Amino acid sequence: MKLHVEVYNPSGKDVAVDEIRSLARRVWLRESKVNGQIKIILVNNAYMTQLNRRFLGKNSSTDVLAFPYNALNGDLFEGEIYISVDRVLENSDRYGVEFREEISRMVAHGLLHFLGYEDKTNAGKQAMKQREEYYLQSPAGVIKLLRNKRTR
């Protein structure tokens, strides 16, 4: 399987776009059975609030939103992942982890939503968290970071 990833960064923050692209490809190639075309857009809290209000009816920001264009069972999956860089910075401070780790977690989280994982129930949240941790700690080297443990 192949994944074409485009990363857009209108947030103005310094972000390692190549690392994001590499992580997205590795998660996709391990989890998916179809080719993919994904856009990852790094935004600020104000823009994320607009998206959250428009599509989910929530008048607040969030860390990540994933919008599939089509079903995963076709020949080519397409979708967009929006990540609030402001929220990632807030969460990295809140949980005592590096920014790179937290943004990697959001990339993995968005992709896992595309791949059928849901976080609306406690069991679903736990399954997603375990998969995120797998990719953050993978011996295959999805990302290599000095990590601080955290709980959510």
Protein backbone atom coordinates (compact mmCIF):
# COMPACT_ATOMS: atom_id res chain seq x y z
CA MET A 1 0.00 0.00 0.00
CA LYS A 2 1.04 3.58 -0.55
CA LEU A 3 0.14 6.84 1.10
CA HIS A 4 0.57 10.27 -0.41
CA VAL A 5 0.71 12.87 2.37
CA GLU A 6 0.58 16.62 1.97
CA VAL A 7 1.24 18.74 5.05
CA TYR A 8 0.14 22.37 5.13
CA ASN A 9 1.23 24.66 7.92
CA PRO A 10 -0.67 27.96 7.91
CA SER A 11 -0.27 28.05 11.73
CA GLY A 12 3.00 29.95 11.43
CA LYS A 13 4.62 27.67 14.06
CA ASP A 14 7.90 25.86 13.41
CA VAL A 15 6.88 22.23 12.87
CA ALA A 16 8.91 19.28 11.54
CA VAL A 17 6.77 18.60 8.47
CA ASP A 18 9.00 15.75 7.23
CA GLU A 19 8.59 13.91 10.55
CA ILE A 20 4.81 14.28 10.35
CA ARG A 21 4.77 12.96 6.79
CA SER A 22 7.01 10.01 7.73
CA LEU A 23 4.91 9.08 10.77
CA ALA A 24 1.69 9.26 8.76
CA ARG A 25 3.11 6.90 6.13
CA ARG A 26 4.30 4.39 8.72
CA VAL A 27 0.99 4.29 10.58
CA TRP A 28 -0.95 3.96 7.32
CA LEU A 29 1.26 1.23 5.89
CA ARG A 30 0.93 -0.87 9.05
CA GLU A 31 -2.81 -0.42 9.49
CA SER A 32 -4.38 -0.03 6.05
CA LYS A 33 -5.14 -2.34 3.17
CA VAL A 34 -5.76 0.43 0.62
CA ASN A 35 -3.81 3.30 -0.88
CA GLY A 36 -4.38 6.69 0.64
CA GLN A 37 -4.18 10.37 -0.08
CA ILE A 38 -4.18 12.45 3.09
CA LYS A 39 -3.84 16.15 3.76
CA ILE A 40 -2.67 17.22 7.20
CA ILE A 41 -3.39 20.86 7.94
CA LEU A 42 -1.80 22.55 10.96
CA VAL A 43 -4.02 25.38 12.20
CA ASN A 44 -4.48 27.66 15.21
CA ASN A 45 -7.18 27.45 17.91
CA ALA A 46 -9.37 30.08 16.26
CA TYR A 47 -9.56 28.16 12.99
CA MET A 48 -10.12 24.87 14.81
CA THR A 49 -12.99 26.45 16.75
CA GLN A 50 -14.59 27.47 13.45
CA LEU A 51 -14.29 23.90 12.13
CA ASN A 52 -15.59 22.39 15.35
CA ARG A 53 -18.58 24.77 15.37
CA ARG A 54 -19.41 24.23 11.70
CA PHE A 55 -19.10 20.44 11.58
CA LEU A 56 -19.73 19.26 15.14
CA GLY A 57 -21.79 22.09 16.61
CA LYS A 58 -19.26 22.70 19.40
CA ASN A 59 -18.21 26.26 20.15
CA SER A 60 -14.69 25.40 21.28
CA SER A 61 -11.34 24.35 19.92
CA THR A 62 -10.07 20.79 19.95
CA ASP A 63 -6.74 19.16 19.22
CA VAL A 64 -7.54 17.11 16.11
CA LEU A 65 -10.37 16.65 13.62
CA ALA A 66 -10.39 14.03 10.87
CA PHE A 67 -12.59 14.36 7.80
CA PRO A 68 -12.79 11.36 5.46
CA TYR A 69 -13.76 12.08 1.85
CA ASN A 70 -14.76 8.50 1.10
CA ALA A 71 -14.99 5.01 2.58
CA LEU A 72 -11.88 3.06 3.54
CA ASN A 73 -12.97 0.02 1.53
CA GLY A 74 -12.40 1.49 -1.94
CA ASP A 75 -9.25 1.52 -4.05
CA LEU A 76 -8.10 4.90 -2.75
CA PHE A 77 -8.94 6.48 0.59
CA GLU A 78 -8.85 10.28 0.81
CA GLY A 79 -9.20 12.57 3.80
CA GLU A 80 -8.04 15.62 5.72
CA ILE A 81 -6.71 15.86 9.25
CA TYR A 82 -6.74 19.24 11.00
CA ILE A 83 -4.46 19.68 14.01
CA SER A 84 -4.49 22.73 16.27
CA VAL A 85 -0.84 23.55 16.89
CA ASP A 86 -1.94 25.90 19.70
CA ARG A 87 -3.74 23.03 21.44
CA VAL A 88 -0.77 20.71 20.89
CA LEU A 89 1.46 23.27 22.63
CA GLU A 90 -1.05 23.56 25.49
CA ASN A 91 -1.30 19.77 25.83
CA SER A 92 2.46 19.26 25.75
CA ASP A 93 2.78 21.66 28.69
CA ARG A 94 -0.21 20.15 30.48
CA TYR A 95 1.04 16.55 30.17
CA GLY A 96 4.76 17.29 30.47
CA VAL A 97 5.77 15.91 27.09
CA GLU A 98 7.74 17.31 24.21
CA PHE A 99 5.88 19.13 21.46
CA ARG A 100 7.15 16.58 18.91
CA GLU A 101 5.59 13.74 20.87
CA GLU A 102 2.24 15.44 21.25
CA ILE A 103 1.94 16.43 17.60
CA SER A 104 2.94 12.89 16.62
CA ARG A 105 0.18 11.59 18.88
CA MET A 106 -2.35 13.82 17.09
CA VAL A 107 -1.19 12.65 13.65
CA ALA A 108 -1.54 9.02 14.74
CA HIS A 109 -4.91 9.77 16.36
CA GLY A 110 -6.32 11.36 13.20
CA LEU A 111 -5.15 8.47 11.04
CA LEU A 112 -6.56 5.90 13.46
CA HIS A 113 -9.95 7.56 13.12
CA PHE A 114 -9.72 7.00 9.36
CA LEU A 115 -8.76 3.39 9.99
CA GLY A 116 -11.87 2.58 12.02
CA TYR A 117 -10.85 3.43 15.56
CA GLU A 118 -13.34 5.48 17.57
CA ASP A 119 -13.06 7.25 20.90
CA LYS A 120 -16.70 7.81 21.84
CA THR A 121 -16.69 5.06 24.48
CA ASN A 122 -14.23 4.23 27.25
CA ALA A 123 -13.31 0.98 25.50
CA GLY A 124 -12.77 2.82 22.22
CA LYS A 125 -10.66 5.49 23.90
CA GLN A 126 -8.53 2.81 25.51
CA ALA A 127 -8.03 0.96 22.22
CA MET A 128 -7.04 4.18 20.46
CA LYS A 129 -4.68 5.19 23.23
CA GLN A 130 -2.99 1.78 23.09
CA ARG A 131 -2.51 2.09 19.33
CA GLU A 132 -1.16 5.64 19.68
CA GLU A 133 1.31 4.44 22.32
CA TYR A 134 2.32 1.58 20.07
CA TYR A 135 3.29 4.01 17.34
CA LEU A 136 4.99 6.40 19.73
CA GLN A 137 7.04 3.60 21.32
CA SER A 138 7.33 1.24 18.37
CA PRO A 139 10.60 -0.65 18.12
CA ALA A 140 10.22 -0.09 14.38
CA GLY A 141 11.16 3.51 15.17
CA VAL A 142 8.05 5.40 14.15
CA ILE A 143 9.40 8.31 16.16
CA LYS A 144 12.44 8.45 18.34
CA LEU A 145 12.03 10.72 21.33
CA LEU A 146 13.09 10.94 24.91
CA ARG A 147 9.71 10.40 26.52
CA ASN A 148 8.14 11.42 29.77
CA LYS A 149 5.31 9.16 30.87
CA ARG A 150 1.89 10.70 31.12
CA THR A 151 -1.65 9.64 31.74
CA ARG A 152 -4.80 10.91 30.14
